[in-house]
C-alpha atoms as a PDB file:
ATOM      1  CA  MET A   1     111.885  -1.949-124.626  1.00  0.00           C
ATOM      2  CA  ARG A   2     110.936  -4.546-127.236  1.00  0.00           C
ATOM      3  CA  SER A   3     111.746  -5.230-130.828  1.00  0.00           C
ATOM      4  CA  VAL A   4     109.170  -3.672-133.147  1.00  0.00           C
ATOM      5  CA  ASN A   5     109.591  -4.631-136.799  1.00  0.00           C
ATOM      6  CA  GLY A   6     113.197  -5.532-136.039  1.00  0.00           C
ATOM      7  CA  VAL A   7     114.163  -2.210-134.441  1.00  0.00           C
ATOM      8  CA  PRO A   8     114.042  -0.906-130.843  1.00  0.00           C
ATOM      9  CA  GLY A   9     110.536   0.004-129.768  1.00  0.00           C
ATOM     10  CA  LEU A  10     107.915   0.366-127.080  1.00  0.00           C
ATOM     11  CA  VAL A  11     104.530  -1.280-126.714  1.00  0.00           C
ATOM     12  CA  ALA A  12     102.099   0.778-124.617  1.00  0.00           C
ATOM     13  CA  GLU A  13      99.351  -1.049-122.755  1.00  0.00           C
ATOM     14  CA  ARG A  14      96.382   0.137-120.722  1.00  0.00           C
ATOM     15  CA  ALA A  15      94.225  -2.236-118.714  1.00  0.00           C
ATOM     16  CA  GLY A  16      95.901  -5.162-120.451  1.00  0.00           C
ATOM     17  CA  GLU A  17      95.209  -3.941-123.999  1.00  0.00           C
ATOM     18  CA  VAL A  18      97.803  -2.630-126.434  1.00  0.00           C
ATOM     19  CA  THR A  19      97.040   1.047-127.120  1.00  0.00           C
ATOM     20  CA  ALA A  20     100.080   2.125-129.150  1.00  0.00           C
ATOM     21  CA  VAL A  21     103.312   0.829-130.611  1.00  0.00           C
ATOM     22  CA  ALA A  22     106.358   3.013-131.263  1.00  0.00           C
ATOM     23  CA  SER A  23     109.621   2.142-132.970  1.00  0.00           C
ATOM     24  CA  PHE A  24     112.790   4.162-133.194  1.00  0.00           C
ATOM     25  CA  GLU A  25     115.335   4.465-135.978  1.00  0.00           C
ATOM     26  CA  ILE A  26     118.729   5.111-134.427  1.00  0.00           C
ATOM     27  CA  ALA A  27     121.929   6.383-136.052  1.00  0.00           C
ATOM     28  CA  ASP A  28     125.104   7.424-134.244  1.00  0.00           C
ATOM     29  CA  ASP A  29     123.440   6.851-130.842  1.00  0.00           C
ATOM     30  CA  ARG A  30     120.652   9.320-131.698  1.00  0.00           C
ATOM     31  CA  VAL A  31     116.996   8.782-132.506  1.00  0.00           C
ATOM     32  CA  THR A  32     116.547   9.924-136.101  1.00  0.00           C
ATOM     33  CA  ARG A  33     112.965   8.797-136.704  1.00  0.00           C
ATOM     34  CA  ILE A  34     110.002   7.775-134.550  1.00  0.00           C
ATOM     35  CA  TRP A  35     107.188   5.654-135.967  1.00  0.00           C
ATOM     36  CA  VAL A  36     103.946   5.344-133.943  1.00  0.00           C
ATOM     37  CA  VAL A  37     100.828   3.259-134.585  1.00  0.00           C
ATOM     38  CA  ARG A  38      97.590   3.737-132.650  1.00  0.00           C
ATOM     39  CA  ASN A  39      95.191   2.036-135.082  1.00  0.00           C
ATOM     40  CA  PRO A  40      93.654  -0.864-133.092  1.00  0.00           C
ATOM     41  CA  GLU A  41      93.439  -3.107-136.173  1.00  0.00           C
ATOM     42  CA  LYS A  42      97.176  -2.789-136.780  1.00  0.00           C
ATOM     43  CA  LEU A  43      98.100  -3.384-133.119  1.00  0.00           C
ATOM     44  CA  ARG A  44      96.876  -6.984-132.971  1.00  0.00           C
ATOM     45  CA  PRO A  45     100.239  -8.587-133.847  1.00  0.00           C
ATOM     46  CA  TRP A  46     101.865  -6.935-130.812  1.00  0.00           C
ATOM     47  CA  ALA A  47      99.010  -7.867-128.498  1.00  0.00           C
ATOM     48  CA  LEU A  48      99.532 -11.524-129.428  1.00  0.00           C
ATOM     49  CA  ASP A  49     103.344 -11.237-129.233  1.00  0.00           C
ATOM     50  CA  GLY A  50     103.398 -10.145-125.585  1.00  0.00           C
END
């Protein structure tokens, strides 16, 4: 688990490349919203953050 845009999230990698980023909005210990990005152009910041 990593911080994604300041909230809990996951960074998925395959063969060393970031393939997706997901973040989770949580309220009262429950996930209320899931945000997923798979656009390679928008994944670059997380690839460099690793």
